[in-house]
């Protein structure tokens, strides 16, 4: 395969171009070496941040903090009161158990002091009391249902006569009320 030559690229339009892509250095530049310089290390600088100016404290925030403080103090006082009351409950319960045992002892002494059989024996021996005889005992029969009888009561009138009486009683009550 034959290469075709282009006429356009045969001539070099720039006189300094020799056909290579590498740039040719001038004689002075080649002879003078550059000194090795270490790159500067940057000092760490804190970034600048915009700071908001301190503003006025909101009165609502102050009132809120004061309310929280008051509630915390009240809660603390309520816990103290709860501890005091629970201590009192414990001491009162111990007192209650002591009083219950003392009550049981006193009831036993009371029952021994008032023995009904000994009282009955003493009173029958002295003659102040006698046992009931068979003729003194009365039995009441309560097998029938209860009934009540009113004495000296007027019977209510019925019909026209009852209506007239009720109207008369209403009229007299009204007159008595306004008199």
N, C-alpha and C. Protein backbone atom coordinates (compact mmCIF):
# COMPACT_ATOMS: atom_id res chain seq x y z
N UNK A 1 0.82 -1.15 0.00
CA UNK A 1 0.00 0.00 0.00
C UNK A 1 0.88 1.25 0.00
N UNK A 2 0.55 2.07 -0.79
CA UNK A 2 1.33 3.25 -0.99
C UNK A 2 0.72 4.41 -0.23
N UNK A 3 1.64 5.16 0.36
CA UNK A 3 1.09 6.31 1.09
C UNK A 3 0.99 7.49 0.17
N UNK A 4 -0.06 8.14 0.43
CA UNK A 4 -0.27 9.33 -0.36
C UNK A 4 0.28 10.53 0.37
N UNK A 5 0.93 11.39 -0.24
CA UNK A 5 1.48 12.57 0.37
C UNK A 5 0.53 13.71 0.12
N UNK A 6 0.31 14.37 1.18
CA UNK A 6 -0.56 15.54 1.04
C UNK A 6 0.29 16.76 0.76
N UNK A 7 -0.17 17.53 -0.08
CA UNK A 7 0.60 18.70 -0.46
C UNK A 7 0.51 19.79 0.59
N UNK A 8 -0.52 19.78 1.31
CA UNK A 8 -0.70 20.80 2.32
C UNK A 8 0.37 20.73 3.41
N UNK A 9 0.69 19.49 3.79
CA UNK A 9 1.58 19.33 4.92
C UNK A 9 3.06 19.19 4.50
N UNK A 10 3.32 19.32 3.29
CA UNK A 10 4.71 19.19 2.85
C UNK A 10 5.52 20.43 3.22
N UNK A 11 4.92 21.54 3.19
CA UNK A 11 5.63 22.76 3.50
C UNK A 11 5.35 23.17 4.93
N UNK A 12 6.28 23.67 5.64
CA UNK A 12 6.12 24.10 7.03
C UNK A 12 5.84 25.59 6.99
N UNK A 13 4.73 25.99 7.54
CA UNK A 13 4.40 27.42 7.48
C UNK A 13 5.22 28.26 8.45
N UNK A 14 5.72 27.61 9.53
CA UNK A 14 6.49 28.38 10.50
C UNK A 14 7.96 28.06 10.31
N UNK A 15 8.79 29.05 10.19
CA UNK A 15 10.19 28.76 9.94
C UNK A 15 10.93 28.13 11.11
N UNK A 16 10.48 28.33 12.34
CA UNK A 16 11.17 27.80 13.50
C UNK A 16 10.80 26.35 13.76
N UNK A 17 9.74 25.87 13.17
CA UNK A 17 9.26 24.52 13.43
C UNK A 17 10.11 23.54 12.66
N UNK A 18 10.69 22.60 13.41
CA UNK A 18 11.54 21.63 12.75
C UNK A 18 10.84 20.30 12.57
N UNK A 19 9.60 20.16 13.02
CA UNK A 19 8.83 18.94 12.83
C UNK A 19 8.67 18.12 14.08
N UNK A 20 9.35 18.49 15.16
CA UNK A 20 9.18 17.73 16.39
C UNK A 20 8.26 18.51 17.33
N UNK A 21 7.61 17.76 18.24
CA UNK A 21 6.68 18.41 19.16
C UNK A 21 7.40 18.94 20.38
N UNK A 22 8.66 18.57 20.58
CA UNK A 22 9.39 19.01 21.75
C UNK A 22 9.94 20.40 21.50
N UNK A 23 9.88 21.19 22.46
CA UNK A 23 10.38 22.56 22.33
C UNK A 23 11.88 22.55 22.57
N UNK A 24 12.55 23.25 21.75
CA UNK A 24 13.98 23.33 21.92
C UNK A 24 14.30 24.51 22.82
N UNK A 25 15.16 24.21 23.77
CA UNK A 25 15.52 25.24 24.72
C UNK A 25 16.69 26.05 24.18
N UNK A 26 16.72 27.27 24.62
CA UNK A 26 17.84 28.11 24.20
C UNK A 26 19.07 27.72 24.99
N UNK A 27 20.18 28.14 24.56
CA UNK A 27 21.44 27.72 25.13
C UNK A 27 21.57 28.18 26.57
N UNK A 28 21.13 29.35 26.96
CA UNK A 28 21.26 29.86 28.31
C UNK A 28 20.43 29.06 29.28
N UNK A 29 19.29 28.69 28.83
CA UNK A 29 18.39 27.98 29.72
C UNK A 29 18.94 26.60 30.05
N UNK A 30 19.59 26.00 29.15
CA UNK A 30 20.08 24.66 29.37
C UNK A 30 21.26 24.67 30.33
N UNK A 31 22.10 25.66 30.25
CA UNK A 31 23.28 25.69 31.05
C UNK A 31 23.00 26.08 32.51
N UNK A 32 21.98 26.83 32.74
CA UNK A 32 21.74 27.32 34.09
C UNK A 32 20.73 26.38 34.79
N UNK A 33 21.22 25.60 35.73
CA UNK A 33 20.28 24.72 36.44
C UNK A 33 19.50 25.49 37.51
N UNK A 34 18.34 25.05 37.70
CA UNK A 34 17.50 25.69 38.71
C UNK A 34 17.80 25.10 40.08
N UNK A 35 17.84 25.97 41.09
CA UNK A 35 18.11 25.44 42.44
C UNK A 35 16.88 24.70 42.98
N UNK A 36 17.15 23.67 43.75
CA UNK A 36 16.05 22.92 44.35
C UNK A 36 15.49 23.73 45.51
N UNK A 37 14.26 24.04 45.41
CA UNK A 37 13.61 24.82 46.47
C UNK A 37 12.48 23.96 47.04
N UNK A 38 12.56 23.85 48.30
CA UNK A 38 11.46 23.10 48.93
C UNK A 38 10.21 23.96 48.92
N UNK A 39 9.13 23.34 48.65
CA UNK A 39 7.90 24.12 48.69
C UNK A 39 7.59 24.49 50.14
N UNK A 40 7.06 25.65 50.31
CA UNK A 40 6.74 26.13 51.66
C UNK A 40 5.62 25.31 52.25
N UNK A 41 5.84 24.97 53.47
CA UNK A 41 4.75 24.28 54.16
C UNK A 41 3.83 25.35 54.71
N UNK A 42 2.57 25.15 54.42
CA UNK A 42 1.59 26.13 54.90
C UNK A 42 1.33 25.90 56.38
N UNK A 43 1.32 26.98 57.09
CA UNK A 43 0.98 26.90 58.51
C UNK A 43 -0.53 26.67 58.62
N UNK A 44 -0.89 25.85 59.58
CA UNK A 44 -2.32 25.56 59.75
C UNK A 44 -2.99 26.79 60.33
N UNK A 45 -3.93 27.24 59.59
CA UNK A 45 -4.63 28.45 60.01
C UNK A 45 -6.07 28.05 60.33
N UNK A 46 -6.51 28.49 61.45
CA UNK A 46 -7.88 28.21 61.85
C UNK A 46 -8.82 28.97 60.91
N UNK A 47 -9.81 28.28 60.40
CA UNK A 47 -10.70 29.00 59.49
C UNK A 47 -11.48 30.06 60.24
N UNK A 48 -11.72 31.11 59.59
CA UNK A 48 -12.45 32.20 60.21
C UNK A 48 -13.94 31.89 60.14
N UNK A 49 -14.51 31.89 61.30
CA UNK A 49 -15.93 31.58 61.41
C UNK A 49 -16.64 32.84 61.88
N UNK A 50 -17.74 33.06 61.26
CA UNK A 50 -18.52 34.22 61.69
C UNK A 50 -19.24 33.87 62.98
N UNK A 51 -19.04 34.69 63.96
CA UNK A 51 -19.63 34.45 65.27
C UNK A 51 -20.80 35.41 65.44
N UNK A 52 -21.91 34.83 65.89
CA UNK A 52 -23.08 35.67 66.11
C UNK A 52 -22.89 36.46 67.39
N UNK A 53 -23.30 37.67 67.36
CA UNK A 53 -23.16 38.52 68.54
C UNK A 53 -24.13 38.04 69.61
N UNK A 54 -23.71 38.20 70.86
CA UNK A 54 -24.58 37.81 71.96
C UNK A 54 -25.76 38.76 72.00
N UNK A 55 -26.95 38.16 71.99
CA UNK A 55 -28.16 38.97 72.00
C UNK A 55 -28.74 39.05 73.40
N UNK A 56 -29.90 39.64 73.50
CA UNK A 56 -30.59 39.79 74.78
C UNK A 56 -31.25 38.47 75.14
N UNK A 57 -31.25 38.14 76.41
CA UNK A 57 -31.89 36.92 76.87
C UNK A 57 -33.40 37.16 76.87
N UNK A 58 -34.11 36.22 76.31
CA UNK A 58 -35.56 36.34 76.20
C UNK A 58 -36.21 36.25 77.58
N UNK A 59 -37.18 37.13 77.85
CA UNK A 59 -37.86 37.05 79.16
C UNK A 59 -38.64 35.74 79.31
N UNK A 60 -39.13 35.20 78.21
CA UNK A 60 -39.84 33.93 78.28
C UNK A 60 -38.90 32.80 78.71
N UNK A 61 -37.64 32.86 78.25
CA UNK A 61 -36.67 31.85 78.66
C UNK A 61 -36.36 31.97 80.15
N UNK A 62 -36.23 33.20 80.63
CA UNK A 62 -35.95 33.41 82.05
C UNK A 62 -37.12 32.90 82.89
N UNK A 63 -38.34 33.25 82.48
CA UNK A 63 -39.54 32.79 83.21
C UNK A 63 -39.63 31.26 83.16
N UNK A 64 -39.33 30.68 82.02
CA UNK A 64 -39.36 29.22 81.89
C UNK A 64 -38.36 28.55 82.81
N UNK A 65 -37.13 29.07 82.84
CA UNK A 65 -36.12 28.49 83.73
C UNK A 65 -36.51 28.65 85.19
N UNK A 66 -37.07 29.81 85.54
CA UNK A 66 -37.52 30.01 86.92
C UNK A 66 -38.66 29.06 87.27
N UNK A 67 -39.57 28.83 86.32
CA UNK A 67 -40.68 27.90 86.57
C UNK A 67 -40.15 26.49 86.79
N UNK A 68 -39.20 26.07 85.97
CA UNK A 68 -38.60 24.74 86.13
C UNK A 68 -37.90 24.64 87.48
N UNK A 69 -37.21 25.70 87.88
CA UNK A 69 -36.53 25.70 89.17
C UNK A 69 -37.53 25.60 90.32
N UNK A 70 -38.62 26.36 90.24
CA UNK A 70 -39.64 26.31 91.29
C UNK A 70 -40.26 24.92 91.37
N UNK A 71 -40.56 24.33 90.21
CA UNK A 71 -41.15 22.99 90.21
C UNK A 71 -40.18 21.95 90.77
N UNK A 72 -38.89 22.11 90.47
CA UNK A 72 -37.90 21.17 91.00
C UNK A 72 -37.82 21.29 92.53
N UNK A 73 -37.86 22.52 93.04
CA UNK A 73 -37.82 22.71 94.50
C UNK A 73 -39.08 22.14 95.14
N UNK A 74 -40.23 22.38 94.53
CA UNK A 74 -41.48 21.82 95.06
C UNK A 74 -41.46 20.30 95.05
N UNK A 75 -40.91 19.72 93.99
CA UNK A 75 -40.79 18.26 93.93
C UNK A 75 -39.88 17.74 95.03
N UNK A 76 -38.80 18.44 95.28
CA UNK A 76 -37.88 18.04 96.34
C UNK A 76 -38.58 18.10 97.70
N UNK A 77 -39.33 19.19 97.96
CA UNK A 77 -40.07 19.31 99.22
C UNK A 77 -41.13 18.22 99.36
N UNK A 78 -41.77 17.87 98.25
CA UNK A 78 -42.79 16.81 98.33
C UNK A 78 -42.14 15.47 98.66
N UNK A 79 -40.94 15.20 98.13
CA UNK A 79 -40.24 13.96 98.49
C UNK A 79 -39.85 13.96 99.96
N UNK A 80 -39.45 15.11 100.47
CA UNK A 80 -39.11 15.20 101.89
C UNK A 80 -40.34 14.94 102.75
N UNK A 81 -41.47 15.55 102.37
CA UNK A 81 -42.72 15.32 103.11
C UNK A 81 -43.15 13.86 103.03
N UNK A 82 -42.98 13.26 101.87
CA UNK A 82 -43.33 11.85 101.71
C UNK A 82 -42.49 10.96 102.63
N UNK A 83 -41.19 11.27 102.74
CA UNK A 83 -40.32 10.49 103.62
C UNK A 83 -40.74 10.66 105.08
N UNK A 84 -41.09 11.90 105.48
CA UNK A 84 -41.51 12.15 106.87
C UNK A 84 -42.81 11.42 107.16
N UNK A 85 -43.76 11.49 106.24
CA UNK A 85 -45.06 10.84 106.45
C UNK A 85 -44.92 9.33 106.48
N UNK A 86 -44.08 8.77 105.61
CA UNK A 86 -43.90 7.31 105.63
C UNK A 86 -43.25 6.87 106.94
N UNK A 87 -42.34 7.67 107.49
CA UNK A 87 -41.75 7.36 108.79
C UNK A 87 -42.81 7.41 109.89
N UNK A 88 -43.71 8.39 109.83
CA UNK A 88 -44.79 8.48 110.80
C UNK A 88 -45.73 7.29 110.68
N UNK A 89 -46.01 6.84 109.47
CA UNK A 89 -46.88 5.69 109.26
C UNK A 89 -46.27 4.45 109.89
N UNK A 90 -44.98 4.27 109.70
CA UNK A 90 -44.31 3.10 110.29
C UNK A 90 -44.40 3.15 111.81
N UNK A 91 -44.16 4.32 112.41
CA UNK A 91 -44.22 4.41 113.86
C UNK A 91 -45.66 4.22 114.37
N UNK A 92 -46.64 4.76 113.63
CA UNK A 92 -48.04 4.58 114.05
C UNK A 92 -48.48 3.12 113.93
N UNK A 93 -47.98 2.42 112.93
CA UNK A 93 -48.33 1.00 112.80
C UNK A 93 -47.76 0.19 113.96
N UNK A 94 -46.55 0.52 114.37
CA UNK A 94 -45.98 -0.20 115.51
C UNK A 94 -46.76 0.12 116.78
N UNK A 95 -47.19 1.38 116.93
CA UNK A 95 -48.04 1.74 118.08
C UNK A 95 -49.37 1.00 118.02
N UNK A 96 -49.92 0.84 116.82
CA UNK A 96 -51.21 0.15 116.66
C UNK A 96 -51.10 -1.31 117.08
N UNK A 97 -50.03 -1.97 116.71
CA UNK A 97 -49.88 -3.38 117.11
C UNK A 97 -49.77 -3.49 118.63
N UNK A 98 -49.05 -2.56 119.26
CA UNK A 98 -48.95 -2.56 120.73
C UNK A 98 -50.31 -2.33 121.38
N UNK A 99 -51.09 -1.40 120.82
CA UNK A 99 -52.42 -1.11 121.37
C UNK A 99 -53.38 -2.28 121.18
N UNK A 100 -53.26 -3.00 120.06
CA UNK A 100 -54.13 -4.17 119.84
C UNK A 100 -53.86 -5.27 120.86
N UNK A 101 -52.59 -5.50 121.16
CA UNK A 101 -52.28 -6.52 122.16
C UNK A 101 -52.79 -6.08 123.54
N UNK A 102 -52.66 -4.79 123.85
CA UNK A 102 -53.17 -4.29 125.12
C UNK A 102 -54.70 -4.39 125.18
N UNK A 103 -55.37 -4.15 124.04
CA UNK A 103 -56.83 -4.27 123.99
C UNK A 103 -57.25 -5.71 124.27
N UNK A 104 -56.55 -6.65 123.67
CA UNK A 104 -56.90 -8.05 123.89
C UNK A 104 -56.75 -8.42 125.38
N UNK A 105 -55.70 -7.93 126.03
CA UNK A 105 -55.51 -8.21 127.45
C UNK A 105 -56.62 -7.60 128.29
N UNK A 106 -57.00 -6.33 127.98
CA UNK A 106 -58.05 -5.65 128.74
C UNK A 106 -59.41 -6.30 128.53
N UNK A 107 -59.70 -6.77 127.34
CA UNK A 107 -60.98 -7.47 127.10
C UNK A 107 -61.05 -8.77 127.91
N UNK A 108 -59.95 -9.47 127.97
CA UNK A 108 -59.94 -10.70 128.77
C UNK A 108 -60.18 -10.39 130.24
N UNK A 109 -59.57 -9.31 130.76
CA UNK A 109 -59.79 -8.91 132.15
C UNK A 109 -61.23 -8.48 132.37
N UNK A 110 -61.82 -7.78 131.40
CA UNK A 110 -63.21 -7.31 131.50
C UNK A 110 -64.17 -8.50 131.56
N UNK A 111 -63.94 -9.47 130.69
CA UNK A 111 -64.82 -10.64 130.68
C UNK A 111 -64.71 -11.44 131.98
N UNK A 112 -63.51 -11.47 132.54
CA UNK A 112 -63.36 -12.17 133.81
C UNK A 112 -64.01 -11.38 134.96
N UNK A 113 -63.98 -10.06 134.86
CA UNK A 113 -64.57 -9.24 135.92
C UNK A 113 -66.09 -9.30 135.89
N UNK A 114 -66.69 -9.40 134.75
CA UNK A 114 -68.15 -9.42 134.61
C UNK A 114 -68.62 -10.79 134.13
N UNK A 115 -68.39 -11.78 134.89
CA UNK A 115 -68.87 -13.12 134.57
C UNK A 115 -70.36 -13.18 134.94
N UNK A 116 -71.22 -13.37 133.97
CA UNK A 116 -72.67 -13.32 134.19
C UNK A 116 -73.15 -14.41 135.14
N UNK A 117 -72.55 -15.54 135.07
CA UNK A 117 -72.98 -16.64 135.96
C UNK A 117 -72.68 -16.30 137.42
N UNK A 118 -71.51 -15.71 137.66
CA UNK A 118 -71.18 -15.34 139.05
C UNK A 118 -72.07 -14.20 139.54
N UNK A 119 -72.41 -13.25 138.65
CA UNK A 119 -73.30 -12.15 139.03
C UNK A 119 -74.69 -12.70 139.35
N UNK A 120 -75.19 -13.60 138.50
CA UNK A 120 -76.52 -14.19 138.74
C UNK A 120 -76.53 -14.98 140.06
N UNK A 121 -75.49 -15.70 140.30
CA UNK A 121 -75.39 -16.48 141.54
C UNK A 121 -75.41 -15.56 142.76
N UNK A 122 -74.65 -14.46 142.70
CA UNK A 122 -74.61 -13.52 143.82
C UNK A 122 -75.97 -12.88 144.06
N UNK A 123 -76.68 -12.48 142.98
CA UNK A 123 -77.96 -11.79 143.14
C UNK A 123 -79.07 -12.75 143.58
N UNK A 124 -79.06 -13.97 143.13
CA UNK A 124 -80.09 -14.93 143.56
C UNK A 124 -79.84 -15.37 145.00
N UNK A 125 -78.57 -15.45 145.41
CA UNK A 125 -78.27 -15.83 146.80
C UNK A 125 -78.69 -14.73 147.77
N UNK A 126 -78.50 -13.46 147.34
CA UNK A 126 -78.86 -12.37 148.24
C UNK A 126 -80.37 -12.09 148.24
N UNK A 127 -81.12 -12.60 147.27
CA UNK A 127 -82.56 -12.41 147.20
C UNK A 127 -82.96 -11.17 146.44
N UNK A 128 -82.04 -10.44 145.83
CA UNK A 128 -82.37 -9.24 145.06
C UNK A 128 -82.99 -9.61 143.72
N UNK A 129 -82.74 -10.84 143.29
CA UNK A 129 -83.27 -11.26 142.02
C UNK A 129 -83.74 -12.70 142.15
N UNK A 130 -84.87 -13.00 141.48
CA UNK A 130 -85.38 -14.37 141.49
C UNK A 130 -85.50 -14.86 140.08
N UNK A 131 -85.42 -16.14 139.90
CA UNK A 131 -85.59 -16.71 138.57
C UNK A 131 -87.07 -16.69 138.23
N UNK A 132 -87.42 -16.44 136.94
CA UNK A 132 -88.84 -16.39 136.57
C UNK A 132 -89.49 -17.78 136.69
N UNK A 133 -90.78 -17.76 137.10
CA UNK A 133 -91.57 -18.99 137.21
C UNK A 133 -92.28 -19.23 135.88
N UNK A 134 -92.87 -20.41 135.72
CA UNK A 134 -93.55 -20.74 134.47
C UNK A 134 -94.74 -19.80 134.20
N UNK A 135 -95.42 -19.31 135.20
CA UNK A 135 -96.57 -18.44 135.03
C UNK A 135 -96.17 -17.04 134.60
N UNK A 136 -94.92 -16.70 134.76
CA UNK A 136 -94.47 -15.35 134.41
C UNK A 136 -93.98 -15.26 132.95
N UNK A 137 -93.86 -16.35 132.29
CA UNK A 137 -93.34 -16.35 130.92
C UNK A 137 -94.52 -16.25 129.97
N UNK A 138 -94.52 -15.30 129.04
CA UNK A 138 -95.57 -15.09 128.06
C UNK A 138 -94.96 -15.27 126.68
N UNK A 139 -95.63 -16.04 125.85
CA UNK A 139 -95.19 -16.26 124.47
C UNK A 139 -96.08 -15.45 123.53
N UNK A 140 -95.52 -14.80 122.54
CA UNK A 140 -96.25 -14.00 121.55
C UNK A 140 -96.21 -14.73 120.23
N UNK A 141 -97.42 -14.90 119.59
CA UNK A 141 -97.52 -15.58 118.30
C UNK A 141 -97.37 -14.56 117.18
N UNK A 142 -96.36 -14.67 116.42
CA UNK A 142 -96.08 -13.73 115.33
C UNK A 142 -96.23 -14.40 113.97
N UNK A 143 -97.02 -15.44 113.87
CA UNK A 143 -97.15 -16.16 112.61
C UNK A 143 -98.03 -15.43 111.61
N UNK A 144 -98.97 -14.58 112.05
CA UNK A 144 -99.84 -13.84 111.13
C UNK A 144 -99.11 -12.62 110.59
N UNK A 145 -99.51 -12.16 109.37
CA UNK A 145 -98.84 -10.97 108.81
C UNK A 145 -99.20 -9.72 109.62
N UNK A 146 -98.36 -8.72 109.50
CA UNK A 146 -98.57 -7.48 110.24
C UNK A 146 -99.75 -6.70 109.66
N UNK A 147 -100.51 -6.04 110.53
CA UNK A 147 -101.60 -5.17 110.07
C UNK A 147 -101.69 -4.00 111.03
N UNK A 148 -102.15 -2.85 110.51
CA UNK A 148 -102.23 -1.63 111.30
C UNK A 148 -103.66 -1.11 111.22
N UNK A 149 -104.22 -0.69 112.35
CA UNK A 149 -105.55 -0.10 112.38
C UNK A 149 -105.43 1.30 112.93
N UNK A 150 -105.93 2.28 112.16
CA UNK A 150 -105.90 3.67 112.59
C UNK A 150 -107.24 3.98 113.27
N UNK A 151 -107.17 4.54 114.45
CA UNK A 151 -108.38 4.93 115.17
C UNK A 151 -108.60 6.43 114.97
N UNK A 152 -109.86 6.85 115.00
CA UNK A 152 -110.29 8.24 114.87
C UNK A 152 -109.81 8.85 113.56
N UNK A 153 -110.00 8.14 112.48
CA UNK A 153 -109.62 8.65 111.17
C UNK A 153 -110.88 8.73 110.32
N UNK A 154 -111.04 9.84 109.60
CA UNK A 154 -112.20 10.01 108.73
C UNK A 154 -111.95 9.26 107.44
N UNK A 155 -112.98 8.66 106.91
CA UNK A 155 -112.85 7.99 105.62
C UNK A 155 -113.01 9.02 104.53
N UNK A 156 -112.23 8.87 103.48
CA UNK A 156 -112.27 9.83 102.38
C UNK A 156 -113.53 9.63 101.57
N UNK A 157 -114.12 10.77 101.14
CA UNK A 157 -115.32 10.72 100.31
C UNK A 157 -114.90 10.49 98.86
N UNK A 158 -115.71 9.80 98.12
CA UNK A 158 -115.41 9.51 96.73
C UNK A 158 -116.47 10.15 95.85
N UNK A 159 -116.17 10.21 94.55
CA UNK A 159 -117.13 10.73 93.58
C UNK A 159 -117.16 12.24 93.61
N UNK A 160 -118.39 12.80 93.39
CA UNK A 160 -118.58 14.25 93.31
C UNK A 160 -118.33 14.88 94.67
N UNK A 161 -118.79 14.22 95.72
CA UNK A 161 -118.62 14.73 97.07
C UNK A 161 -117.13 14.86 97.41
N UNK A 162 -116.31 13.88 97.02
CA UNK A 162 -114.86 13.92 97.25
C UNK A 162 -114.19 15.03 96.46
N UNK A 163 -114.64 15.27 95.22
CA UNK A 163 -114.07 16.34 94.40
C UNK A 163 -114.37 17.69 95.02
N UNK A 164 -115.63 17.88 95.52
CA UNK A 164 -116.00 19.16 96.14
C UNK A 164 -115.16 19.38 97.40
N UNK A 165 -114.97 18.34 98.20
CA UNK A 165 -114.18 18.47 99.43
C UNK A 165 -112.72 18.81 99.12
N UNK A 166 -112.15 18.18 98.11
CA UNK A 166 -110.76 18.47 97.75
C UNK A 166 -110.61 19.88 97.22
N UNK A 167 -111.59 20.38 96.43
CA UNK A 167 -111.54 21.76 95.93
C UNK A 167 -111.65 22.74 97.11
N UNK A 168 -112.53 22.42 98.07
CA UNK A 168 -112.71 23.26 99.25
C UNK A 168 -111.42 23.31 100.07
N UNK A 169 -110.73 22.15 100.23
CA UNK A 169 -109.49 22.12 101.01
C UNK A 169 -108.38 22.88 100.28
N UNK A 170 -108.33 22.78 98.97
CA UNK A 170 -107.31 23.52 98.20
C UNK A 170 -107.54 25.02 98.35
N UNK A 171 -108.81 25.45 98.24
CA UNK A 171 -109.14 26.88 98.35
C UNK A 171 -108.78 27.41 99.74
N UNK A 172 -109.10 26.64 100.77
CA UNK A 172 -108.78 27.09 102.13
C UNK A 172 -107.27 27.16 102.36
N UNK A 173 -106.51 26.23 101.80
CA UNK A 173 -105.05 26.26 101.94
C UNK A 173 -104.45 27.47 101.24
N UNK A 174 -105.01 27.85 100.07
CA UNK A 174 -104.52 29.04 99.35
C UNK A 174 -104.81 30.30 100.15
N UNK A 175 -106.01 30.38 100.72
CA UNK A 175 -106.37 31.55 101.52
C UNK A 175 -105.48 31.64 102.75
N UNK A 176 -105.20 30.51 103.40
CA UNK A 176 -104.35 30.52 104.58
C UNK A 176 -102.93 30.93 104.22
N UNK A 177 -102.46 30.54 103.03
CA UNK A 177 -101.10 30.86 102.60
C UNK A 177 -100.92 32.36 102.43
N UNK A 178 -101.91 33.03 101.79
CA UNK A 178 -101.79 34.46 101.53
C UNK A 178 -102.27 35.32 102.71
N UNK A 179 -102.85 34.75 103.74
CA UNK A 179 -103.32 35.53 104.89
C UNK A 179 -102.20 35.80 105.85
